[in-house]
Amino acid sequence: MRIAIVAESFLPLMNGVTHSILRVLEHLQERGDEVLVIAPSTQDTDIPDEVHGAHVLRLPSVPLAGYANLRVAMGGVYRVKRILADYAPDVVHLASPFVLGWRAAQAAHQLGIPTVAIYQTEVPGYAGRYGVPFLENWAWNRVDQIHLLASRTLVPSTFALNQLRGRGIPRVDMWRRGVDTQRFTPAKRDAGWRAAVAPGGERLIGYVGRLAAEKQVEDLAVLADVAGTRLVIVGDGPQRAALEAALPQAVFTGFLGGDHLARAVASFDLFVHPGEFETFCQTIQEAMASGVPVVATGRGGPLDLVENSRTGWLYEPGDLAGFRARVMDLMGDDAKRRAFAAAAHASVQGRTWPVLGAELVGHYQAVIGESRVGHSPRLALSLRAAKPGFQAP
């Protein structure tokens, strides 16, 4: 197939959206598909223009206020439409669409190219966390517009499925996320790393994720004085300095990737995630694959991932006393924690990226087939016949 992936964010920024795109690109490269990634520009001059066999076309962008690493693509629908018309893909993959993805959804619709939209970020929910609650309705209207245009919307959790269906969005299906069970494994647990971050032999309570307002990392303060434990926070972001001041006893490792991340996660005794706006939460799945039980807020993606009293605990959003109680329950009972850890590890086996990649390709094929059967010949196909070679505008 010939696929255009429109990425709201991409390398060098590493987040859940980028991570998923990279795994998808690996799968498509193995299949021999031709892929174009359309993404915001970056100031990093070392980023290649080809990733896993896909050409990356950068559009001019500006940094998001208060979050310099996150860039927003500039321009209008016409520019994206011209790129898609020249490339003439069989399908357009909209990765967590909101700004650039909104333009791409309109452009693809005008060209008659089928689209698969990946709902991965609950952007409207961020409005209150960033002090602009009056923008929430506007943001939901934008989300509605995008997914009403999409040929198919894929969501990562039951919560997200019900959320969009409740808003009247049609053609919504489930597509979860894979986990690399070769990289994230209990075998990566490292006694030396544990001793370095907790020289007193404390048990480790770990968090992995962006240090940004929507993650609610400040809620971890209720765990700061749990006896015999050390809080370890892996990640970076605009709130890091404030969080280091608020949590002086915690260990902040900064961003970790690859085997360094896998070693850290496997070395935790318990994984915690307080964020209430996770449509999935990949880091929870990686912790479970590493044989680490989880305590997370009972909203969004964690509802599907964490089974109460078996693989971890869920607590009511906002109930920080309940959060602390669930953590103390597991940190105070080694046998229970080991049993939860074993169940957590077993629960994610088989959720590999190759399996999820094949599912995604099936969705691509379905919308392409529906487009060919149910609509007039696409402009893109006629353009491809006239333009056998793609040239970036």
Protein backbone atom coordinates (compact mmCIF):
# COMPACT_ATOMS: atom_id res chain seq x y z
CA MET A 1 0.00 0.00 0.00
CA ARG A 2 0.87 3.67 -0.26
CA ILE A 3 0.20 5.39 3.07
CA ALA A 4 0.42 8.98 4.30
CA ILE A 5 0.78 9.36 8.06
CA VAL A 6 -0.07 12.84 9.31
CA ALA A 7 1.59 13.22 12.70
CA GLU A 8 0.51 15.90 15.14
CA SER A 9 3.89 15.39 16.84
CA PHE A 10 6.94 13.38 15.81
CA LEU A 11 10.67 13.04 16.36
CA PRO A 12 12.66 14.43 18.08
CA LEU A 13 9.79 14.73 20.59
CA MET A 14 9.22 11.34 22.21
CA ASN A 15 5.74 10.78 23.58
CA GLY A 16 2.97 8.23 23.20
CA VAL A 17 2.03 9.48 19.74
CA THR A 18 5.60 9.33 18.42
CA HIS A 19 6.19 5.93 20.00
CA SER A 20 3.11 4.45 18.30
CA ILE A 21 4.04 5.95 14.92
CA LEU A 22 7.54 4.48 15.11
CA ARG A 23 6.18 1.00 15.84
CA VAL A 24 3.72 1.34 12.96
CA LEU A 25 6.51 2.46 10.61
CA GLU A 26 8.57 -0.59 11.57
CA HIS A 27 5.66 -2.86 10.71
CA LEU A 28 4.92 -1.14 7.41
CA GLN A 29 8.61 -1.25 6.44
CA GLU A 30 8.67 -5.01 7.04
CA ARG A 31 5.61 -5.36 4.79
CA GLY A 32 7.23 -3.31 2.02
CA ASP A 33 4.64 -0.53 2.04
CA GLU A 34 5.49 2.97 0.81
CA VAL A 35 4.99 5.59 3.53
CA LEU A 36 5.14 9.38 3.77
CA VAL A 37 5.10 11.03 7.20
CA ILE A 38 3.86 14.64 7.31
CA ALA A 39 4.90 16.33 10.56
CA PRO A 40 5.75 19.72 12.11
CA SER A 41 9.25 21.06 11.52
CA THR A 42 11.91 20.86 14.19
CA GLN A 43 14.90 22.99 15.14
CA ASP A 44 17.00 19.85 15.61
CA THR A 45 19.28 19.59 12.59
CA ASP A 46 20.30 15.99 13.34
CA ILE A 47 16.88 14.46 12.68
CA PRO A 48 16.91 12.37 9.47
CA ASP A 49 14.42 12.88 6.67
CA GLU A 50 13.84 9.13 6.48
CA VAL A 51 12.71 6.97 9.41
CA HIS A 52 12.17 3.19 9.09
CA GLY A 53 12.00 3.56 5.33
CA ALA A 54 9.43 6.36 5.39
CA HIS A 55 10.16 9.80 3.93
CA VAL A 56 9.45 12.57 6.47
CA LEU A 57 8.09 15.84 5.10
CA ARG A 58 8.28 18.70 7.59
CA LEU A 59 5.85 21.62 7.56
CA PRO A 60 6.79 25.02 9.06
CA SER A 61 5.83 25.15 12.74
CA VAL A 62 6.02 27.25 15.89
CA PRO A 63 6.58 26.08 19.49
CA LEU A 64 3.53 25.77 21.70
CA ALA A 65 3.52 28.48 24.39
CA GLY A 66 4.87 27.08 27.64
CA TYR A 67 5.94 23.81 26.01
CA ALA A 68 8.84 24.62 23.68
CA ASN A 69 9.47 21.01 22.58
CA LEU A 70 5.92 20.62 21.26
CA ARG A 71 5.53 22.35 17.91
CA VAL A 72 2.36 23.25 16.00
CA ALA A 73 2.38 23.12 12.19
CA MET A 74 1.41 26.31 10.40
CA GLY A 75 -0.46 26.77 7.13
CA GLY A 76 -3.87 25.92 5.78
CA VAL A 77 -5.82 23.08 4.25
CA TYR A 78 -4.66 23.87 0.70
CA ARG A 79 -0.99 23.10 1.42
CA VAL A 80 -1.82 19.69 2.90
CA LYS A 81 -4.25 19.01 0.07
CA ARG A 82 -1.52 19.70 -2.48
CA ILE A 83 0.89 17.33 -0.71
CA LEU A 84 -1.71 14.55 -0.57
CA ALA A 85 -2.75 15.09 -4.17
CA ASP A 86 0.88 14.82 -5.34
CA TYR A 87 1.61 11.76 -3.19
CA ALA A 88 -1.77 10.10 -3.93
CA PRO A 89 -1.88 7.62 -1.04
CA ASP A 90 -4.30 4.72 -0.79
CA VAL A 91 -5.11 5.80 2.76
CA VAL A 92 -4.31 8.65 5.15
CA HIS A 93 -3.47 7.77 8.76
CA LEU A 94 -4.27 10.67 11.12
CA ALA A 95 -2.13 10.25 14.24
CA SER A 96 -3.79 11.94 17.23
CA PRO A 97 -5.24 14.66 14.97
CA PHE A 98 -6.08 18.12 16.25
CA VAL A 99 -4.38 20.99 14.38
CA LEU A 100 -2.43 19.56 11.45
CA GLY A 101 -4.68 16.51 11.53
CA TRP A 102 -7.79 18.70 11.20
CA ARG A 103 -6.40 20.16 7.99
CA ALA A 104 -5.46 16.73 6.70
CA ALA A 105 -8.92 15.33 7.46
CA GLN A 106 -10.51 18.07 5.37
CA ALA A 107 -7.94 17.74 2.58
CA ALA A 108 -8.34 13.96 2.32
CA HIS A 109 -12.13 14.28 2.38
CA GLN A 110 -12.04 16.79 -0.49
CA LEU A 111 -9.76 14.46 -2.47
CA GLY A 112 -11.84 11.39 -1.76
CA ILE A 113 -8.99 9.57 0.01
CA PRO A 114 -10.09 7.30 2.89
CA THR A 115 -8.78 8.15 6.35
CA VAL A 116 -8.10 6.22 9.53
CA ALA A 117 -8.04 8.59 12.53
CA ILE A 118 -6.28 7.47 15.71
CA TYR A 119 -7.87 9.01 18.81
CA GLN A 120 -4.95 8.97 21.23
CA THR A 121 -4.95 12.25 23.15
CA GLU A 122 -7.86 13.72 25.12
CA VAL A 123 -6.90 17.28 24.21
CA PRO A 124 -10.17 18.88 25.47
CA GLY A 125 -9.51 17.51 28.95
CA TYR A 126 -6.18 19.35 29.05
CA ALA A 127 -7.92 22.74 28.93
CA GLY A 128 -8.67 22.86 32.64
CA ARG A 129 -5.22 21.63 33.60
CA TYR A 130 -3.65 24.46 31.58
CA GLY A 131 -5.92 27.14 33.04
CA VAL A 132 -8.16 27.66 29.99
CA PRO A 133 -11.34 25.67 30.80
CA PHE A 134 -13.37 27.97 28.52
CA LEU A 135 -11.63 26.33 25.53
CA GLU A 136 -12.87 22.83 26.35
CA ASN A 137 -16.11 23.06 24.34
CA TRP A 138 -14.23 24.51 21.37
CA ALA A 139 -11.70 21.68 21.57
CA TRP A 140 -14.45 19.03 21.66
CA ASN A 141 -16.06 20.64 18.60
CA ARG A 142 -12.72 20.32 16.79
CA VAL A 143 -12.43 16.65 17.81
CA ASP A 144 -15.98 16.01 16.59
CA GLN A 145 -15.29 17.67 13.22
CA ILE A 146 -12.22 15.52 12.61
CA HIS A 147 -13.78 12.19 13.52
CA LEU A 148 -17.05 12.85 11.72
CA LEU A 149 -14.98 13.25 8.53
CA ALA A 150 -12.83 10.16 9.12
CA SER A 151 -13.64 6.95 7.28
CA ARG A 152 -12.88 5.11 10.51
CA THR A 153 -11.77 6.17 14.00
CA LEU A 154 -9.65 3.84 16.12
CA VAL A 155 -9.56 4.20 19.91
CA PRO A 156 -7.26 2.45 22.39
CA SER A 157 -9.68 1.75 25.26
CA THR A 158 -13.27 1.03 26.20
CA PHE A 159 -13.47 4.40 27.94
CA ALA A 160 -12.46 6.24 24.75
CA LEU A 161 -14.83 4.09 22.67
CA ASN A 162 -17.79 5.03 24.86
CA GLN A 163 -16.62 8.65 25.04
CA LEU A 164 -16.67 9.16 21.25
CA ARG A 165 -19.76 7.07 20.60
CA GLY A 166 -21.50 9.11 23.27
CA ARG A 167 -20.70 12.22 21.25
CA GLY A 168 -22.33 10.72 18.19
CA ILE A 169 -19.13 9.81 16.35
CA PRO A 170 -19.85 6.93 13.92
CA ARG A 171 -17.50 4.25 12.59
CA VAL A 172 -15.48 3.87 15.81
CA ASP A 173 -13.49 0.68 16.44
CA MET A 174 -10.99 -0.50 19.03
CA TRP A 175 -7.27 -0.62 18.28
CA ARG A 176 -5.14 -1.07 21.37
CA ARG A 177 -1.38 -0.64 21.65
CA GLY A 178 1.32 -3.25 21.47
CA VAL A 179 4.17 -3.73 23.92
CA ASP A 180 7.70 -4.95 23.26
CA THR A 181 7.85 -7.95 25.59
CA GLN A 182 11.45 -8.64 24.56
CA ARG A 183 12.59 -5.24 25.79
CA PHE A 184 10.24 -4.87 28.74
CA THR A 185 10.77 -7.97 30.82
CA PRO A 186 11.43 -8.88 34.48
CA ALA A 187 14.86 -10.11 33.36
CA LYS A 188 15.99 -6.45 33.08
CA ARG A 189 15.69 -5.92 36.85
CA ASP A 190 19.06 -4.55 37.98
CA ALA A 191 20.24 -4.70 41.60
CA GLY A 192 23.07 -2.27 40.86
CA TRP A 193 20.71 0.34 39.43
CA ARG A 194 18.40 -0.07 42.44
CA ALA A 195 21.30 0.44 44.84
CA ALA A 196 22.38 3.57 42.98
CA VAL A 197 18.99 5.29 43.30
CA ALA A 198 18.15 3.90 46.75
CA PRO A 199 21.41 3.28 48.63
CA GLY A 200 19.46 2.68 51.83
CA GLY A 201 17.78 -0.37 50.33
CA GLU A 202 14.38 1.32 50.02
CA ARG A 203 11.72 -0.22 47.80
CA LEU A 204 11.15 1.77 44.62
CA ILE A 205 7.88 3.44 43.62
CA GLY A 206 8.25 4.54 40.02
CA TYR A 207 6.55 6.87 37.55
CA VAL A 208 7.39 7.21 33.84
CA GLY A 209 6.00 9.96 31.64
CA ARG A 210 6.12 13.58 30.61
CA LEU A 211 6.46 16.07 33.42
CA ALA A 212 3.55 18.21 32.27
CA ALA A 213 0.37 19.55 33.83
CA GLU A 214 -1.96 16.96 32.29
CA LYS A 215 -0.03 14.09 33.93
CA GLN A 216 -0.76 15.35 37.47
CA VAL A 217 2.66 14.25 38.71
CA GLU A 218 2.33 16.60 41.66
CA ASP A 219 -0.19 14.13 43.13
CA LEU A 220 2.77 11.85 43.89
CA ALA A 221 3.53 14.12 46.85
CA VAL A 222 1.12 12.00 48.92
CA LEU A 223 3.62 9.13 48.59
CA ALA A 224 6.72 11.09 49.59
CA ASP A 225 6.76 9.82 53.19
CA VAL A 226 5.67 6.20 52.72
CA ALA A 227 8.08 4.38 55.06
CA GLY A 228 10.87 2.35 53.50
CA THR A 229 10.31 3.60 49.96
CA ARG A 230 11.98 5.89 47.45
CA LEU A 231 10.02 7.69 44.74
CA VAL A 232 11.70 7.56 41.31
CA ILE A 233 10.42 9.83 38.53
CA VAL A 234 11.53 9.06 34.98
CA GLY A 235 10.89 11.67 32.31
CA ASP A 236 11.27 15.31 31.46
CA GLY A 237 9.05 18.25 30.60
CA PRO A 238 8.07 21.81 31.41
CA GLN A 239 7.16 21.06 35.04
CA ARG A 240 10.40 19.36 35.99
CA ALA A 241 11.89 22.24 37.99
CA ALA A 242 8.65 22.82 39.92
CA LEU A 243 8.29 19.12 40.65
CA GLU A 244 11.88 18.79 41.85
CA ALA A 245 11.18 21.63 44.29
CA ALA A 246 7.91 20.05 45.45
CA LEU A 247 9.37 16.52 45.77
CA PRO A 248 12.89 17.03 47.17
CA GLN A 249 13.22 13.41 48.36
CA ALA A 250 12.39 11.92 44.95
CA VAL A 251 14.99 10.79 42.41
CA PHE A 252 14.56 12.47 39.01
CA THR A 253 16.37 10.54 36.30
CA GLY A 254 15.41 12.73 33.35
CA PHE A 255 14.39 11.16 30.04
CA LEU A 256 15.36 7.51 29.59
CA GLY A 257 14.91 5.47 26.43
CA GLY A 258 15.73 2.05 25.02
CA ASP A 259 17.33 -0.45 27.37
CA HIS A 260 17.99 2.27 29.96
CA LEU A 261 14.22 2.72 30.33
CA ALA A 262 13.57 -1.02 30.34
CA ARG A 263 16.12 -1.49 33.14
CA ALA A 264 14.61 1.28 35.24
CA VAL A 265 11.03 0.04 34.87
CA ALA A 266 11.92 -3.57 35.67
CA SER A 267 13.80 -2.36 38.75
CA PHE A 268 10.71 -0.74 40.26
CA ASP A 269 8.75 -2.52 42.97
CA LEU A 270 5.56 -0.65 42.13
CA PHE A 271 4.50 1.56 39.22
CA VAL A 272 2.16 4.51 39.78
CA HIS A 273 0.33 6.80 37.38
CA PRO A 274 -1.94 9.61 38.67
CA GLY A 275 -2.99 11.15 35.33
CA GLU A 276 -6.73 11.27 34.63
CA PHE A 277 -6.58 12.00 30.88
CA GLU A 278 -4.92 8.85 29.53
CA THR A 279 -6.76 7.33 26.59
CA PHE A 280 -4.51 4.27 26.97
CA CYS A 281 -1.27 4.75 29.00
CA GLN A 282 1.50 2.79 27.32
CA THR A 283 3.82 3.11 30.32
CA ILE A 284 1.40 1.07 32.44
CA GLN A 285 1.53 -1.74 29.89
CA GLU A 286 5.34 -1.58 29.81
CA ALA A 287 5.48 -1.78 33.61
CA MET A 288 3.21 -4.82 33.60
CA ALA A 289 5.33 -6.51 30.92
CA SER A 290 8.30 -5.86 33.23
CA GLY A 291 6.59 -7.73 36.06
CA VAL A 292 5.68 -4.63 38.06
CA PRO A 293 2.19 -4.16 39.57
CA VAL A 294 0.40 -0.85 39.06
CA VAL A 295 -1.62 1.68 41.03
CA ALA A 296 -3.38 4.15 38.73
CA THR A 297 -6.35 6.47 38.58
CA GLY A 298 -9.62 4.78 37.67
CA ARG A 299 -10.39 6.75 34.52
CA GLY A 300 -9.55 6.34 30.85
CA GLY A 301 -7.16 3.72 29.53
CA PRO A 302 -6.08 2.28 32.90
CA LEU A 303 -9.59 0.87 33.37
CA ASP A 304 -8.83 -1.69 30.64
CA LEU A 305 -5.24 -2.35 31.66
CA VAL A 306 -5.36 -2.75 35.45
CA GLU A 307 -7.51 -5.46 37.03
CA ASN A 308 -8.31 -4.53 40.62
CA SER A 309 -6.96 -6.91 43.25
CA ARG A 310 -5.14 -8.99 40.61
CA THR A 311 -2.63 -6.93 38.59
CA GLY A 312 -2.82 -3.75 40.67
CA TRP A 313 -5.24 -1.20 42.07
CA LEU A 314 -7.34 1.60 40.63
CA TYR A 315 -8.43 4.55 42.76
CA GLU A 316 -11.17 7.12 42.28
CA PRO A 317 -9.96 10.24 40.44
CA GLY A 318 -9.08 12.91 42.99
CA ASP A 319 -9.05 10.51 45.95
CA LEU A 320 -5.43 10.96 46.94
CA ALA A 321 -5.99 9.34 50.33
CA GLY A 322 -7.25 6.28 48.47
CA PHE A 323 -4.21 6.47 46.18
CA ARG A 324 -1.86 6.42 49.15
CA ALA A 325 -3.79 3.58 50.81
CA ARG A 326 -3.54 1.39 47.68
CA VAL A 327 0.21 2.01 47.46
CA MET A 328 0.74 1.21 51.15
CA ASP A 329 -1.29 -1.98 50.76
CA LEU A 330 1.14 -3.34 48.18
CA MET A 331 4.32 -1.91 49.62
CA GLY A 332 3.50 -3.45 53.00
CA ASP A 333 2.80 -6.97 51.74
CA ASP A 334 5.63 -8.61 49.79
CA ALA A 335 3.67 -11.78 49.01
CA LYS A 336 0.70 -9.86 47.61
CA ARG A 337 2.97 -7.59 45.58
CA ARG A 338 4.76 -10.59 44.06
CA ALA A 339 1.44 -12.23 43.19
CA PHE A 340 0.16 -9.02 41.55
CA ALA A 341 3.47 -8.71 39.67
CA ALA A 342 3.20 -12.23 38.23
CA ALA A 343 -0.41 -11.64 37.17
CA ALA A 344 0.50 -8.28 35.61
CA HIS A 345 3.29 -9.86 33.56
CA ALA A 346 1.05 -12.68 32.33
CA SER A 347 -1.79 -10.31 31.40
CA VAL A 348 0.12 -8.50 28.62
CA GLN A 349 1.81 -11.44 26.91
CA GLY A 350 0.62 -11.66 23.31
CA ARG A 351 -0.02 -7.91 22.99
CA THR A 352 2.94 -7.49 20.65
CA TRP A 353 3.38 -4.74 18.07
CA PRO A 354 3.39 -7.19 15.12
CA VAL A 355 -0.08 -8.37 16.17
CA LEU A 356 -1.34 -4.81 16.56
CA GLY A 357 0.35 -3.75 13.32
CA ALA A 358 -1.49 -6.47 11.42
CA GLU A 359 -4.77 -5.28 12.96
CA LEU A 360 -4.06 -1.73 11.80
CA VAL A 361 -3.32 -2.87 8.26
CA GLY A 362 -6.65 -4.67 8.31
CA HIS A 363 -8.37 -1.37 9.10
CA TYR A 364 -6.48 0.33 6.26
CA GLN A 365 -7.60 -2.37 3.84
CA ALA A 366 -11.20 -2.13 5.02
CA VAL A 367 -11.55 1.62 4.45
CA ILE A 368 -9.77 1.38 1.09
CA GLY A 369 -12.21 -1.32 0.04
CA GLU A 370 -15.21 0.66 1.27
CA SER A 371 -13.99 3.72 -0.63
CA ARG A 372 -13.62 1.82 -3.88
CA VAL A 373 -17.01 0.14 -3.59
CA GLY A 374 -19.07 2.99 -2.21
CA HIS A 375 -17.68 6.10 -3.88
CA SER A 376 -16.81 7.45 -7.31
CA PRO A 377 -13.19 6.97 -8.49
CA ARG A 378 -10.87 8.98 -6.31
CA LEU A 379 -9.11 12.07 -7.57
CA ALA A 380 -5.96 10.76 -5.95
CA LEU A 381 -5.87 7.67 -8.15
CA SER A 382 -6.12 9.74 -11.32
CA LEU A 383 -3.42 12.05 -10.01
CA ARG A 384 -1.14 9.10 -9.29
CA ALA A 385 -1.51 7.88 -12.88
CA ALA A 386 -0.35 11.29 -14.07
CA LYS A 387 2.43 11.60 -11.42
CA PRO A 388 4.31 8.33 -10.96
CA GLY A 389 7.02 9.99 -8.86
CA PHE A 390 6.26 11.96 -5.69
CA GLN A 391 7.99 15.30 -5.28
CA ALA A 392 7.55 17.17 -2.01
CA PRO A 393 6.13 20.66 -2.60
